[in-house]
Amino acid sequence: MIEAEQLPARAGKLGTHLLGRLRALAAQEPMITAVRGEGLLVGIELRESALGTIARLRAAGFLTLPAGRDARVVQLLPPLT
């Protein structure tokens, strides 16, 4: 099913697009210190704890997790489909 629906290729394509958009945002937003990822496994590192940002993203319907030292990374969990 994963290969039949071409999910790895889709994750790569969407991830490239997402990382590009997030890096453009990071260039304008001093709160973001780094954007990194592979495919749709994406993390956004913030200057301070990401817990408040994660709570707001979850309230808006995004699937996110805290990660990294001092929970400063917003880990995005977008769907593959």
C-alpha atoms as a PDB file:
ATOM      1  CA  MET A   1       0.000   0.000   0.000  1.00  0.00           C
ATOM      2  CA  ILE A   2       2.791   2.443   0.849  1.00  0.00           C
ATOM      3  CA  GLU A   3       4.515   1.890  -2.484  1.00  0.00           C
ATOM      4  CA  ALA A   4       1.261   1.547  -4.432  1.00  0.00           C
ATOM      5  CA  GLU A   5       0.157   4.988  -3.261  1.00  0.00           C
ATOM      6  CA  GLN A   6       3.680   6.358  -3.827  1.00  0.00           C
ATOM      7  CA  LEU A   7       3.825   7.711  -0.277  1.00  0.00           C
ATOM      8  CA  PRO A   8       7.651   7.929  -0.060  1.00  0.00           C
ATOM      9  CA  ALA A   9       7.828   9.993  -3.264  1.00  0.00           C
ATOM     10  CA  ARG A  10       4.937  12.160  -2.088  1.00  0.00           C
ATOM     11  CA  ALA A  11       6.581  12.722   1.303  1.00  0.00           C
ATOM     12  CA  GLY A  12       9.792  13.765  -0.430  1.00  0.00           C
ATOM     13  CA  LYS A  13       8.051  16.203  -2.739  1.00  0.00           C
ATOM     14  CA  LEU A  14       5.854  17.730  -0.029  1.00  0.00           C
ATOM     15  CA  GLY A  15       8.781  17.846   2.387  1.00  0.00           C
ATOM     16  CA  THR A  16      10.926  19.778  -0.073  1.00  0.00           C
ATOM     17  CA  HIS A  17       8.116  22.294  -0.555  1.00  0.00           C
ATOM     18  CA  LEU A  18       7.411  22.567   3.193  1.00  0.00           C
ATOM     19  CA  LEU A  19      11.087  23.013   4.113  1.00  0.00           C
ATOM     20  CA  GLY A  20      11.480  25.728   1.497  1.00  0.00           C
ATOM     21  CA  ARG A  21       8.478  27.653   2.823  1.00  0.00           C
ATOM     22  CA  LEU A  22       9.575  27.254   6.445  1.00  0.00           C
ATOM     23  CA  ARG A  23      13.135  28.383   5.660  1.00  0.00           C
ATOM     24  CA  ALA A  24      11.742  31.486   3.941  1.00  0.00           C
ATOM     25  CA  LEU A  25       9.652  32.162   7.054  1.00  0.00           C
ATOM     26  CA  ALA A  26      12.693  31.613   9.292  1.00  0.00           C
ATOM     27  CA  ALA A  27      14.620  34.254   7.340  1.00  0.00           C
ATOM     28  CA  GLN A  28      11.956  36.786   8.360  1.00  0.00           C
ATOM     29  CA  GLU A  29      11.133  35.530  11.863  1.00  0.00           C
ATOM     30  CA  PRO A  30      13.871  36.040  14.492  1.00  0.00           C
ATOM     31  CA  MET A  31      12.156  33.600  16.890  1.00  0.00           C
ATOM     32  CA  ILE A  32      13.086  30.686  14.558  1.00  0.00           C
ATOM     33  CA  THR A  33      16.737  29.614  14.869  1.00  0.00           C
ATOM     34  CA  ALA A  34      16.717  26.585  12.545  1.00  0.00           C
ATOM     35  CA  VAL A  35      14.542  24.516  10.242  1.00  0.00           C
ATOM     36  CA  ARG A  36      15.622  20.987   9.440  1.00  0.00           C
ATOM     37  CA  GLY A  37      14.172  17.761   8.220  1.00  0.00           C
ATOM     38  CA  GLU A  38      13.973  14.987   5.685  1.00  0.00           C
ATOM     39  CA  GLY A  39      10.810  14.347   3.742  1.00  0.00           C
ATOM     40  CA  LEU A  40       7.926  15.229   6.021  1.00  0.00           C
ATOM     41  CA  LEU A  41       9.921  14.703   9.219  1.00  0.00           C
ATOM     42  CA  VAL A  42      10.366  18.398   9.980  1.00  0.00           C
ATOM     43  CA  GLY A  43      11.545  20.292  13.046  1.00  0.00           C
ATOM     44  CA  ILE A  44      11.472  24.033  13.695  1.00  0.00           C
ATOM     45  CA  GLU A  45      13.860  25.159  16.436  1.00  0.00           C
ATOM     46  CA  LEU A  46      12.862  28.240  18.392  1.00  0.00           C
ATOM     47  CA  ARG A  47      14.892  30.605  20.585  1.00  0.00           C
ATOM     48  CA  GLU A  48      12.759  29.683  23.598  1.00  0.00           C
ATOM     49  CA  SER A  49      10.491  26.851  24.698  1.00  0.00           C
ATOM     50  CA  ALA A  50       8.108  25.761  21.960  1.00  0.00           C
ATOM     51  CA  LEU A  51       5.373  24.564  24.331  1.00  0.00           C
ATOM     52  CA  GLY A  52       3.199  27.666  23.903  1.00  0.00           C
ATOM     53  CA  THR A  53       3.597  27.571  20.126  1.00  0.00           C
ATOM     54  CA  ILE A  54       2.750  23.867  20.092  1.00  0.00           C
ATOM     55  CA  ALA A  55      -0.405  24.480  22.151  1.00  0.00           C
ATOM     56  CA  ARG A  56      -1.552  27.159  19.679  1.00  0.00           C
ATOM     57  CA  LEU A  57      -0.785  24.935  16.681  1.00  0.00           C
ATOM     58  CA  ARG A  58      -2.695  22.023  18.224  1.00  0.00           C
ATOM     59  CA  ALA A  59      -5.677  24.297  18.930  1.00  0.00           C
ATOM     60  CA  ALA A  60      -5.615  25.190  15.222  1.00  0.00           C
ATOM     61  CA  GLY A  61      -5.689  21.490  14.259  1.00  0.00           C
ATOM     62  CA  PHE A  62      -1.997  20.778  13.593  1.00  0.00           C
ATOM     63  CA  LEU A  63      -0.360  17.572  14.822  1.00  0.00           C
ATOM     64  CA  THR A  64       2.827  18.590  16.635  1.00  0.00           C
ATOM     65  CA  LEU A  65       5.188  17.370  19.346  1.00  0.00           C
ATOM     66  CA  PRO A  66       7.873  19.061  21.419  1.00  0.00           C
ATOM     67  CA  ALA A  67      11.415  17.850  20.828  1.00  0.00           C
ATOM     68  CA  GLY A  68      15.001  18.750  21.564  1.00  0.00           C
ATOM     69  CA  ARG A  69      16.736  20.246  24.531  1.00  0.00           C
ATOM     70  CA  ASP A  70      14.427  22.387  26.664  1.00  0.00           C
ATOM     71  CA  ALA A  71      11.508  21.518  24.301  1.00  0.00           C
ATOM     72  CA  ARG A  72      12.634  24.245  21.878  1.00  0.00           C
ATOM     73  CA  VAL A  73      11.798  22.267  18.736  1.00  0.00           C
ATOM     74  CA  VAL A  74       8.353  22.029  17.157  1.00  0.00           C
ATOM     75  CA  GLN A  75       8.150  18.672  15.445  1.00  0.00           C
ATOM     76  CA  LEU A  76       5.519  18.672  12.701  1.00  0.00           C
ATOM     77  CA  LEU A  77       3.503  15.522  12.005  1.00  0.00           C
ATOM     78  CA  PRO A  78       1.705  16.129   8.703  1.00  0.00           C
ATOM     79  CA  PRO A  79      -0.309  13.333   7.082  1.00  0.00           C
ATOM     80  CA  LEU A  80       1.238  11.429   4.181  1.00  0.00           C
ATOM     81  CA  THR A  81      -1.987  11.344   2.194  1.00  0.00           C
END
